Amino acid sequence: MRRFSASFNIAGIALMTAMLCGHGALAAADLSPWKHGIVEAKGDSAFLFMPLHGGFTEKRGLDVEMVQFASGSTATRALVAGALDSFESSPVVVMAAMHLGAPIKVIGCHYPVMTYSLYAGPDINSVEDLRGKNIGVSTPGALPDLFAREALSAAGLSADDFTFGNAGSSSNRFLAVAAGVVAAAASSSEFEVEAEPRGIKVLIRAAEATPNLLRSCIFVTSATITSRRAELVRYLAAAMEGYQHALDHRDEAVALAREVAGLAANSAIPEFIYDEAVRYSAVTPDLEIPAEMWQWTDDMMVRHGAAQGQMDASEFVDDSLRQEALRLLAQE
């Protein structure tokens, strides 16, 4: 796993300010450590990192370290093991573990609208042309696999009409289409900016084809809710402020995404992702957990065998901390 943390700089600035001014800032020793997990920073990093970058977590007394993982399954195990205080990811990464009794709760959904696409090679002109072809996904039951199945089903075709294969990471799946290794692949919508120059078509967009498929929520363990409730409420309040700040400051958000994801200065990905999030109202600063989308996503996983046993998915939800965070902000 890779680590990105600006907490050292933030804490150092806060300490220096306290020494010079004598008040008005938290000393580093006063900040509570908090480890928040994500799955590899990409073009949407502005929203994920703005609570930290904008100083909102420090303001709430938290020294946040952003811990990056190559896969959501690894991060889920780290969360359950207590190596993380919180973790944000697609629910499909976590729901399978929840069905098996993992003590995990969803406490907010900051990026509910799925920003994903199904890309196809130049010889594919419609979804119908994909019959009998190879579709690049990742591991069975993971987000790319489930999105592809649902999107193709929504287009009137069956998963039996295709061959699904693991084509690697998000970028590798896109490149597999460009190289003609697969006829189509499911991957992040950020690659749309590179599609046309490579002769690649965007056949399906998730926000339109699978509107109930949740993209990303925040998860914690029941133990963390019990032992660190006050800090968790403050973390959610900082997240709310950070996401809203990102939505209100496009240039700053785009620059942050470019820096965190290590994107080239001439890459159009940060601008595309930001504008897409605004266009689809994909980011929700109040972290509302959409009940119907949450249940639909869970039912969909069961339908495809990615989770065991039909469940009332509300059992996995704890909305009380989000409500406390909203009240905290309203009092200020």
Protein backbone atom coordinates (compact mmCIF):
# COMPACT_ATOMS: atom_id res chain seq x y z
CA MET A 1 0.00 0.00 0.00
CA ARG A 2 1.12 3.57 -0.65
CA ARG A 3 0.87 6.42 1.81
CA PHE A 4 0.19 10.07 1.25
CA SER A 5 0.08 12.38 4.21
CA ALA A 6 0.13 16.12 4.50
CA SER A 7 -0.38 15.88 8.25
CA PHE A 8 3.28 16.66 8.99
CA ASN A 9 3.15 19.95 7.14
CA ILE A 10 -0.24 20.89 8.56
CA ALA A 11 0.83 20.07 12.10
CA GLY A 12 4.10 21.96 11.63
CA ILE A 13 2.33 25.06 10.40
CA ALA A 14 -0.13 24.86 13.27
CA LEU A 15 2.65 24.51 15.83
CA MET A 16 4.63 27.43 14.39
CA THR A 17 1.54 29.61 14.40
CA ALA A 18 0.85 28.71 18.02
CA MET A 19 4.41 29.56 19.00
CA LEU A 20 4.35 32.91 17.21
CA CYS A 21 0.84 33.95 18.12
CA GLY A 22 0.34 32.16 21.40
CA HIS A 23 -3.21 31.20 20.49
CA GLY A 24 -5.59 30.51 17.62
CA ALA A 25 -4.09 27.23 16.44
CA LEU A 26 -3.82 23.67 17.67
CA ALA A 27 -0.37 22.43 18.57
CA ALA A 28 0.65 19.19 16.90
CA ALA A 29 0.38 17.35 20.21
CA ASP A 30 -3.28 18.36 20.45
CA LEU A 31 -4.23 16.65 17.19
CA SER A 32 -5.67 13.14 17.37
CA PRO A 33 -4.17 10.73 14.81
CA TRP A 34 -6.62 9.38 12.26
CA LYS A 35 -5.92 6.90 9.46
CA HIS A 36 -8.28 7.04 6.49
CA GLY A 37 -8.01 4.49 3.68
CA ILE A 38 -8.72 4.94 -0.01
CA VAL A 39 -8.11 2.88 -3.16
CA GLU A 40 -5.32 4.60 -5.12
CA ALA A 41 -5.68 8.29 -5.80
CA LYS A 42 -6.90 9.08 -9.32
CA GLY A 43 -8.48 12.00 -11.13
CA ASP A 44 -11.16 12.37 -8.46
CA SER A 45 -8.58 12.95 -5.74
CA ALA A 46 -9.65 16.54 -5.13
CA PHE A 47 -12.79 15.45 -3.34
CA LEU A 48 -11.05 12.71 -1.34
CA PHE A 49 -8.14 14.86 -0.19
CA MET A 50 -9.72 18.30 0.22
CA PRO A 51 -10.81 17.73 3.86
CA LEU A 52 -7.11 17.31 4.68
CA HIS A 53 -5.61 19.70 2.17
CA GLY A 54 -8.03 22.49 3.03
CA GLY A 55 -7.24 22.27 6.75
CA PHE A 56 -10.72 21.11 7.72
CA THR A 57 -9.54 17.98 9.53
CA GLU A 58 -6.91 19.97 11.44
CA LYS A 59 -9.57 22.49 12.43
CA ARG A 60 -11.50 19.58 13.92
CA GLY A 61 -8.50 18.45 15.95
CA LEU A 62 -7.49 15.55 13.71
CA ASP A 63 -4.09 14.63 12.29
CA VAL A 64 -5.24 12.66 9.25
CA GLU A 65 -3.08 10.28 7.28
CA MET A 66 -4.43 9.15 3.91
CA VAL A 67 -3.47 5.52 3.33
CA GLN A 68 -3.71 4.26 -0.23
CA PHE A 69 -4.35 0.63 -1.16
CA ALA A 70 -4.07 -1.18 -4.46
CA SER A 71 -7.36 -2.99 -3.84
CA GLY A 72 -10.49 -2.47 -1.81
CA SER A 73 -10.43 -6.01 -0.45
CA THR A 74 -7.03 -5.40 1.17
CA ALA A 75 -8.27 -2.15 2.66
CA THR A 76 -11.39 -3.85 4.01
CA ARG A 77 -9.23 -6.38 5.84
CA ALA A 78 -7.10 -3.54 7.21
CA LEU A 79 -10.23 -1.78 8.47
CA VAL A 80 -11.50 -4.89 10.26
CA ALA A 81 -8.05 -5.51 11.72
CA GLY A 82 -8.01 -2.01 13.23
CA ALA A 83 -5.21 -0.69 11.02
CA LEU A 84 -7.57 2.02 9.69
CA ASP A 85 -10.02 4.29 11.46
CA SER A 86 -12.17 4.78 8.37
CA PHE A 87 -12.22 3.76 4.72
CA GLU A 88 -14.01 5.03 1.64
CA SER A 89 -14.76 2.81 -1.31
CA SER A 90 -17.43 1.33 -3.53
CA PRO A 91 -19.95 -0.55 -1.37
CA VAL A 92 -19.49 -3.66 -3.50
CA VAL A 93 -16.02 -3.96 -1.98
CA VAL A 94 -17.39 -4.08 1.56
CA MET A 95 -20.88 -5.57 1.32
CA ALA A 96 -19.66 -9.13 0.77
CA ALA A 97 -17.77 -8.91 4.07
CA MET A 98 -20.81 -7.38 5.78
CA HIS A 99 -22.93 -10.31 4.65
CA LEU A 100 -20.42 -12.65 6.26
CA GLY A 101 -20.72 -10.83 9.58
CA ALA A 102 -17.84 -8.35 9.42
CA PRO A 103 -18.50 -5.65 12.06
CA ILE A 104 -18.62 -2.80 9.53
CA LYS A 105 -21.10 0.06 9.21
CA VAL A 106 -21.65 2.59 6.44
CA ILE A 107 -21.80 6.09 7.95
CA GLY A 108 -22.07 8.32 4.87
CA CYS A 109 -22.00 8.37 1.09
CA HIS A 110 -20.07 11.29 -0.37
CA TYR A 111 -19.90 10.15 -4.02
CA PRO A 112 -23.12 8.20 -4.65
CA VAL A 113 -23.35 8.59 -8.43
CA MET A 114 -21.28 6.05 -10.36
CA THR A 115 -18.78 7.64 -12.75
CA TYR A 116 -17.77 4.66 -14.86
CA SER A 117 -17.89 3.82 -18.55
CA LEU A 118 -17.90 0.86 -20.90
CA TYR A 119 -15.29 1.44 -23.60
CA ALA A 120 -15.18 -0.36 -26.95
CA GLY A 121 -12.78 -0.67 -29.86
CA PRO A 122 -13.21 1.07 -33.24
CA ASP A 123 -14.94 -1.91 -34.85
CA ILE A 124 -17.74 -1.89 -32.25
CA ASN A 125 -20.57 0.46 -33.13
CA SER A 126 -23.23 -0.67 -30.67
CA VAL A 127 -23.73 -2.89 -27.64
CA GLU A 128 -25.26 -5.47 -29.97
CA ASP A 129 -21.88 -5.77 -31.73
CA LEU A 130 -20.40 -7.15 -28.51
CA ARG A 131 -22.21 -10.48 -28.73
CA GLY A 132 -19.66 -13.28 -28.52
CA LYS A 133 -16.81 -10.86 -27.75
CA ASN A 134 -14.40 -10.60 -24.81
CA ILE A 135 -15.17 -7.97 -22.15
CA GLY A 136 -12.36 -6.80 -19.89
CA VAL A 137 -13.18 -6.51 -16.20
CA SER A 138 -11.23 -7.29 -13.03
CA THR A 139 -11.88 -10.09 -10.55
CA PRO A 140 -15.35 -11.71 -10.48
CA GLY A 141 -17.72 -9.83 -8.19
CA ALA A 142 -15.61 -6.66 -8.16
CA LEU A 143 -16.98 -3.30 -9.29
CA PRO A 144 -15.90 -3.47 -12.98
CA ASP A 145 -17.39 -6.96 -13.31
CA LEU A 146 -20.70 -6.04 -11.68
CA PHE A 147 -21.02 -2.75 -13.54
CA ALA A 148 -20.40 -4.46 -16.90
CA ARG A 149 -23.00 -7.12 -16.18
CA GLU A 150 -25.61 -4.61 -15.07
CA ALA A 151 -24.90 -2.13 -17.87
CA LEU A 152 -25.10 -4.78 -20.58
CA SER A 153 -28.23 -6.21 -19.02
CA ALA A 154 -29.81 -2.74 -19.00
CA ALA A 155 -28.99 -2.53 -22.72
CA GLY A 156 -31.04 -5.69 -23.31
CA LEU A 157 -28.30 -8.31 -23.45
CA SER A 158 -27.36 -11.16 -21.15
CA ALA A 159 -24.03 -11.90 -19.52
CA ASP A 160 -24.17 -15.23 -21.34
CA ASP A 161 -23.64 -13.32 -24.59
CA PHE A 162 -20.10 -12.34 -23.61
CA THR A 163 -16.88 -13.71 -22.19
CA PHE A 164 -15.67 -11.78 -19.15
CA GLY A 165 -11.95 -11.78 -18.35
CA ASN A 166 -9.60 -10.13 -15.89
CA ALA A 167 -7.80 -7.38 -17.79
CA GLY A 168 -6.02 -5.87 -14.79
CA SER A 169 -6.22 -2.42 -13.26
CA SER A 170 -8.45 0.42 -14.40
CA SER A 171 -5.82 1.88 -16.71
CA ASN A 172 -4.77 -1.54 -17.98
CA ARG A 173 -8.36 -2.38 -18.93
CA PHE A 174 -8.60 0.80 -20.97
CA LEU A 175 -5.29 0.08 -22.67
CA ALA A 176 -6.43 -3.48 -23.42
CA VAL A 177 -9.24 -2.02 -25.50
CA ALA A 178 -6.82 0.31 -27.29
CA ALA A 179 -4.54 -2.64 -28.08
CA GLY A 180 -7.41 -4.82 -29.31
CA VAL A 181 -6.84 -7.41 -26.60
CA VAL A 182 -10.51 -7.15 -25.60
CA ALA A 183 -13.47 -5.80 -27.56
CA ALA A 184 -14.67 -3.68 -24.65
CA ALA A 185 -13.85 -2.98 -21.02
CA ALA A 186 -15.39 -1.38 -17.95
CA SER A 187 -13.26 1.32 -16.37
CA SER A 188 -13.25 4.74 -14.75
CA SER A 189 -14.85 7.53 -16.75
CA GLU A 190 -11.67 9.58 -16.42
CA PHE A 191 -10.28 7.76 -19.46
CA GLU A 192 -12.93 9.31 -21.68
CA VAL A 193 -10.53 12.20 -22.34
CA GLU A 194 -8.15 9.75 -24.01
CA ALA A 195 -10.77 7.66 -25.81
CA GLU A 196 -11.36 9.58 -29.03
CA PRO A 197 -7.65 10.10 -29.90
CA ARG A 198 -7.18 6.34 -29.56
CA GLY A 199 -10.21 5.48 -31.65
CA ILE A 200 -12.07 4.13 -28.63
CA LYS A 201 -15.82 4.58 -28.24
CA VAL A 202 -17.76 5.21 -25.04
CA LEU A 203 -20.71 2.82 -25.35
CA ILE A 204 -22.28 3.16 -21.91
CA ARG A 205 -22.02 5.62 -19.03
CA ALA A 206 -22.86 4.32 -15.57
CA ALA A 207 -24.66 7.44 -14.34
CA GLU A 208 -27.21 6.88 -17.11
CA ALA A 209 -27.29 3.08 -17.48
CA THR A 210 -26.95 2.01 -13.82
CA PRO A 211 -28.22 5.02 -11.82
CA ASN A 212 -28.80 2.99 -8.64
CA LEU A 213 -25.30 1.56 -8.45
CA LEU A 214 -23.58 3.39 -5.59
CA ARG A 215 -20.08 4.60 -6.30
CA SER A 216 -18.42 5.41 -2.97
CA CYS A 217 -19.30 5.58 0.74
CA ILE A 218 -17.46 5.84 4.05
CA PHE A 219 -17.11 2.77 6.28
CA VAL A 220 -15.98 2.19 9.87
CA THR A 221 -16.08 -0.69 12.31
CA SER A 222 -18.55 -0.90 15.16
CA ALA A 223 -15.59 -0.81 17.54
CA THR A 224 -14.48 2.57 16.19
CA ILE A 225 -18.00 3.95 16.55
CA THR A 226 -17.95 2.91 20.20
CA SER A 227 -14.40 3.92 21.11
CA ARG A 228 -13.91 7.07 18.99
CA ARG A 229 -17.38 8.42 18.43
CA ALA A 230 -16.62 12.08 19.14
CA GLU A 231 -13.60 12.05 16.83
CA LEU A 232 -15.59 10.24 14.17
CA VAL A 233 -18.29 12.91 14.25
CA ARG A 234 -15.61 15.57 13.88
CA TYR A 235 -14.11 13.66 10.97
CA LEU A 236 -17.46 13.59 9.18
CA ALA A 237 -17.94 17.31 9.81
CA ALA A 238 -14.51 17.98 8.31
CA ALA A 239 -15.33 15.77 5.33
CA MET A 240 -18.56 17.67 4.73
CA GLU A 241 -16.71 20.97 4.77
CA GLY A 242 -13.95 19.64 2.53
CA TYR A 243 -16.26 18.23 -0.13
CA GLN A 244 -18.28 21.46 -0.21
CA HIS A 245 -15.08 23.50 -0.47
CA ALA A 246 -13.96 21.40 -3.44
CA LEU A 247 -17.30 21.98 -5.18
CA ASP A 248 -17.03 25.72 -4.55
CA HIS A 249 -13.40 26.09 -5.73
CA ARG A 250 -12.87 24.39 -9.08
CA ASP A 251 -9.33 25.65 -9.82
CA GLU A 252 -8.06 24.68 -6.39
CA ALA A 253 -9.71 21.26 -6.61
CA VAL A 254 -8.32 20.56 -10.08
CA ALA A 255 -4.80 21.54 -8.99
CA LEU A 256 -5.04 19.30 -5.93
CA ALA A 257 -6.19 16.31 -7.99
CA ARG A 258 -3.33 16.82 -10.43
CA GLU A 259 -0.80 16.94 -7.59
CA VAL A 260 -2.11 14.03 -5.55
CA ALA A 261 -2.66 11.68 -8.50
CA GLY A 262 0.65 12.63 -10.10
CA LEU A 263 -0.97 13.67 -13.37
CA ALA A 264 0.90 15.60 -16.05
CA ALA A 265 0.38 19.32 -16.33
CA ASN A 266 -1.28 18.91 -19.72
CA SER A 267 -3.62 16.09 -18.61
CA ALA A 268 -7.28 17.00 -18.97
CA ILE A 269 -8.39 14.28 -16.54
CA PRO A 270 -8.78 16.44 -13.39
CA GLU A 271 -10.97 18.99 -15.20
CA PHE A 272 -13.05 16.25 -16.83
CA ILE A 273 -13.67 14.41 -13.56
CA TYR A 274 -14.52 17.59 -11.70
CA ASP A 275 -16.96 18.80 -14.35
CA GLU A 276 -18.53 15.35 -14.59
CA ALA A 277 -19.10 15.28 -10.83
CA VAL A 278 -20.82 18.66 -11.02
CA ARG A 279 -22.86 17.73 -14.10
CA TYR A 280 -24.29 14.59 -12.49
CA SER A 281 -24.42 16.03 -8.93
CA ALA A 282 -22.24 13.05 -8.12
CA VAL A 283 -20.74 14.46 -4.92
CA THR A 284 -23.01 15.07 -1.93
CA PRO A 285 -21.34 17.06 0.87
CA ASP A 286 -24.05 16.18 3.40
CA LEU A 287 -23.03 12.49 3.01
CA GLU A 288 -26.63 11.31 2.77
CA ILE A 289 -26.91 7.52 2.51
CA PRO A 290 -29.53 6.97 -0.23
CA ALA A 291 -31.61 4.11 1.16
CA GLU A 292 -33.03 2.87 -2.15
CA MET A 293 -29.64 2.90 -3.90
CA TRP A 294 -28.03 1.19 -0.91
CA GLN A 295 -30.59 -1.63 -0.92
CA TRP A 296 -30.50 -1.93 -4.72
CA THR A 297 -26.72 -2.27 -4.72
CA ASP A 298 -26.90 -4.97 -2.07
CA ASP A 299 -29.66 -6.85 -3.93
CA MET A 300 -27.66 -6.61 -7.14
CA MET A 301 -24.64 -8.21 -5.48
CA VAL A 302 -26.76 -11.07 -4.20
CA ARG A 303 -28.32 -11.50 -7.63
CA HIS A 304 -24.89 -11.94 -9.19
CA GLY A 305 -23.58 -14.20 -6.42
CA ALA A 306 -21.14 -11.59 -5.14
CA ALA A 307 -22.76 -11.58 -1.67
CA GLN A 308 -24.50 -14.35 0.23
CA GLY A 309 -28.10 -14.22 1.44
CA GLN A 310 -30.85 -11.65 0.90
CA MET A 311 -30.59 -8.92 3.52
CA ASP A 312 -32.32 -5.83 4.77
CA ALA A 313 -29.33 -3.66 3.93
CA SER A 314 -30.40 -1.01 6.45
CA GLU A 315 -28.87 -3.29 9.07
CA PHE A 316 -25.48 -2.20 7.74
CA VAL A 317 -26.25 1.52 8.16
CA ASP A 318 -25.52 3.87 11.06
CA ASP A 319 -26.76 7.33 10.15
CA SER A 320 -26.55 8.73 13.67
CA LEU A 321 -22.98 10.00 13.35
CA ARG A 322 -23.76 11.88 10.16
CA GLN A 323 -26.72 13.51 11.88
CA GLU A 324 -24.49 14.55 14.77
CA ALA A 325 -21.98 16.03 12.33
CA LEU A 326 -24.74 18.02 10.62
CA ARG A 327 -25.89 19.38 13.97
CA LEU A 328 -22.31 20.31 14.84
CA LEU A 329 -22.00 22.33 11.64
CA ALA A 330 -25.40 23.95 12.13
CA GLN A 331 -24.37 25.24 15.54
CA GLU A 332 -21.41 27.17 14.12
